Amino acid sequence: MKLVSALGLAAAALLASTSLGSAALDYSRDSYHVAGKHQVYVWCSSGPADQAVQVDAANAEEAIRKAVAGKANCWGVWQGLVK
């Protein structure tokens, strides 16, 4: 019973930390064109594991290009401007 409670608390903490991280992103249309630190989700058909990366760039398009640079068969999806 204690193990189940501990696992439940760990899962709740993980969910809370995940939602706090996403709350720090500004994904409004205007933020797409702003210079700063952008978060890009990079997914690949083969090779490195999918991951969210933060990139300093002039805008979201540049951030996506930087995030996937040098990675074969990978694509980036803009998630927001880091606040």
C-alpha atoms as a PDB file:
ATOM      1  CA  MET A   1       0.000   0.000   0.000  1.00  0.00           C
ATOM      2  CA  LYS A   2       2.871   2.375   0.784  1.00  0.00           C
ATOM      3  CA  LEU A   3       4.410   1.624  -2.626  1.00  0.00           C
ATOM      4  CA  VAL A   4       1.169   2.529  -4.396  1.00  0.00           C
ATOM      5  CA  SER A   5       0.972   5.801  -2.442  1.00  0.00           C
ATOM      6  CA  ALA A   6       4.593   6.639  -3.241  1.00  0.00           C
ATOM      7  CA  LEU A   7       4.063   5.927  -6.934  1.00  0.00           C
ATOM      8  CA  GLY A   8       0.938   8.072  -6.944  1.00  0.00           C
ATOM      9  CA  LEU A   9       2.799  10.980  -5.357  1.00  0.00           C
ATOM     10  CA  ALA A  10       5.662  10.614  -7.832  1.00  0.00           C
ATOM     11  CA  ALA A  11       3.228  10.643 -10.761  1.00  0.00           C
ATOM     12  CA  ALA A  12       1.479  13.739  -9.405  1.00  0.00           C
ATOM     13  CA  ALA A  13       4.816  15.531  -8.989  1.00  0.00           C
ATOM     14  CA  LEU A  14       5.803  14.643 -12.550  1.00  0.00           C
ATOM     15  CA  LEU A  15       2.529  15.958 -13.937  1.00  0.00           C
ATOM     16  CA  ALA A  16       2.841  19.166 -11.934  1.00  0.00           C
ATOM     17  CA  SER A  17       6.387  19.817 -13.132  1.00  0.00           C
ATOM     18  CA  THR A  18       5.401  19.108 -16.742  1.00  0.00           C
ATOM     19  CA  SER A  19       2.468  21.504 -16.641  1.00  0.00           C
ATOM     20  CA  LEU A  20       4.603  24.203 -15.005  1.00  0.00           C
ATOM     21  CA  GLY A  21       7.161  23.918 -17.800  1.00  0.00           C
ATOM     22  CA  SER A  22       4.557  24.355 -20.496  1.00  0.00           C
ATOM     23  CA  ALA A  23       2.999  27.307 -18.649  1.00  0.00           C
ATOM     24  CA  ALA A  24       6.242  29.234 -19.222  1.00  0.00           C
ATOM     25  CA  LEU A  25       5.727  29.200 -23.014  1.00  0.00           C
ATOM     26  CA  ASP A  26       4.046  31.973 -24.955  1.00  0.00           C
ATOM     27  CA  TYR A  27       2.573  30.345 -28.051  1.00  0.00           C
ATOM     28  CA  SER A  28       0.618  33.349 -29.281  1.00  0.00           C
ATOM     29  CA  ARG A  29       0.802  34.220 -32.972  1.00  0.00           C
ATOM     30  CA  ASP A  30       2.839  37.363 -32.230  1.00  0.00           C
ATOM     31  CA  SER A  31       5.504  35.360 -30.362  1.00  0.00           C
ATOM     32  CA  TYR A  32       6.244  33.373 -33.521  1.00  0.00           C
ATOM     33  CA  HIS A  33       7.955  36.443 -34.997  1.00  0.00           C
ATOM     34  CA  VAL A  34       9.809  37.613 -31.864  1.00  0.00           C
ATOM     35  CA  ALA A  35      13.530  37.172 -31.238  1.00  0.00           C
ATOM     36  CA  GLY A  36      14.450  35.202 -28.147  1.00  0.00           C
ATOM     37  CA  LYS A  37      14.564  31.663 -26.795  1.00  0.00           C
ATOM     38  CA  HIS A  38      12.110  29.414 -28.612  1.00  0.00           C
ATOM     39  CA  GLN A  39      11.133  25.875 -27.712  1.00  0.00           C
ATOM     40  CA  VAL A  40      10.990  23.444 -30.626  1.00  0.00           C
ATOM     41  CA  TYR A  41       9.868  19.815 -30.490  1.00  0.00           C
ATOM     42  CA  VAL A  42      12.184  17.789 -32.736  1.00  0.00           C
ATOM     43  CA  TRP A  43      11.001  14.411 -33.940  1.00  0.00           C
ATOM     44  CA  CYS A  44      12.945  12.065 -36.175  1.00  0.00           C
ATOM     45  CA  SER A  45      11.923   9.081 -38.272  1.00  0.00           C
ATOM     46  CA  SER A  46      15.167   7.382 -37.259  1.00  0.00           C
ATOM     47  CA  GLY A  47      18.177   8.299 -35.185  1.00  0.00           C
ATOM     48  CA  PRO A  48      18.081  10.387 -32.014  1.00  0.00           C
ATOM     49  CA  ALA A  49      15.070  10.213 -29.718  1.00  0.00           C
ATOM     50  CA  ASP A  50      12.374  12.866 -30.050  1.00  0.00           C
ATOM     51  CA  GLN A  51      12.911  15.790 -27.710  1.00  0.00           C
ATOM     52  CA  ALA A  52      11.994  19.380 -26.933  1.00  0.00           C
ATOM     53  CA  VAL A  53      14.924  21.778 -27.315  1.00  0.00           C
ATOM     54  CA  GLN A  54      15.306  25.486 -26.587  1.00  0.00           C
ATOM     55  CA  VAL A  55      17.060  27.610 -29.211  1.00  0.00           C
ATOM     56  CA  ASP A  56      18.020  31.297 -29.316  1.00  0.00           C
ATOM     57  CA  ALA A  57      16.867  32.708 -32.656  1.00  0.00           C
ATOM     58  CA  ALA A  58      15.516  35.781 -34.436  1.00  0.00           C
ATOM     59  CA  ASN A  59      12.109  34.094 -34.884  1.00  0.00           C
ATOM     60  CA  ALA A  60      10.430  30.687 -34.790  1.00  0.00           C
ATOM     61  CA  GLU A  61      11.388  29.740 -38.355  1.00  0.00           C
ATOM     62  CA  GLU A  62      15.064  30.289 -37.603  1.00  0.00           C
ATOM     63  CA  ALA A  63      14.683  28.371 -34.322  1.00  0.00           C
ATOM     64  CA  ILE A  64      13.229  25.373 -36.174  1.00  0.00           C
ATOM     65  CA  ARG A  65      16.072  25.448 -38.712  1.00  0.00           C
ATOM     66  CA  LYS A  66      18.664  25.585 -35.924  1.00  0.00           C
ATOM     67  CA  ALA A  67      16.970  22.823 -33.922  1.00  0.00           C
ATOM     68  CA  VAL A  68      17.078  20.325 -36.802  1.00  0.00           C
ATOM     69  CA  ALA A  69      20.417  21.394 -38.306  1.00  0.00           C
ATOM     70  CA  GLY A  70      22.690  18.428 -38.913  1.00  0.00           C
ATOM     71  CA  LYS A  71      20.025  15.846 -38.096  1.00  0.00           C
ATOM     72  CA  ALA A  72      18.888  13.564 -40.910  1.00  0.00           C
ATOM     73  CA  ASN A  73      15.177  12.763 -41.258  1.00  0.00           C
ATOM     74  CA  CYS A  74      14.167  15.152 -38.457  1.00  0.00           C
ATOM     75  CA  TRP A  75      11.469  17.815 -38.347  1.00  0.00           C
ATOM     76  CA  GLY A  76      10.786  20.577 -35.891  1.00  0.00           C
ATOM     77  CA  VAL A  77       7.523  21.918 -34.538  1.00  0.00           C
ATOM     78  CA  TRP A  78       7.493  25.283 -32.778  1.00  0.00           C
ATOM     79  CA  GLN A  79       6.002  25.061 -29.290  1.00  0.00           C
ATOM     80  CA  GLY A  80       6.398  28.627 -28.089  1.00  0.00           C
ATOM     81  CA  LEU A  81       8.585  31.460 -26.907  1.00  0.00           C
ATOM     82  CA  VAL A  82      10.174  30.736 -23.533  1.00  0.00           C
ATOM     83  CA  LYS A  83       9.230  33.340 -20.937  1.00  0.00           C
END
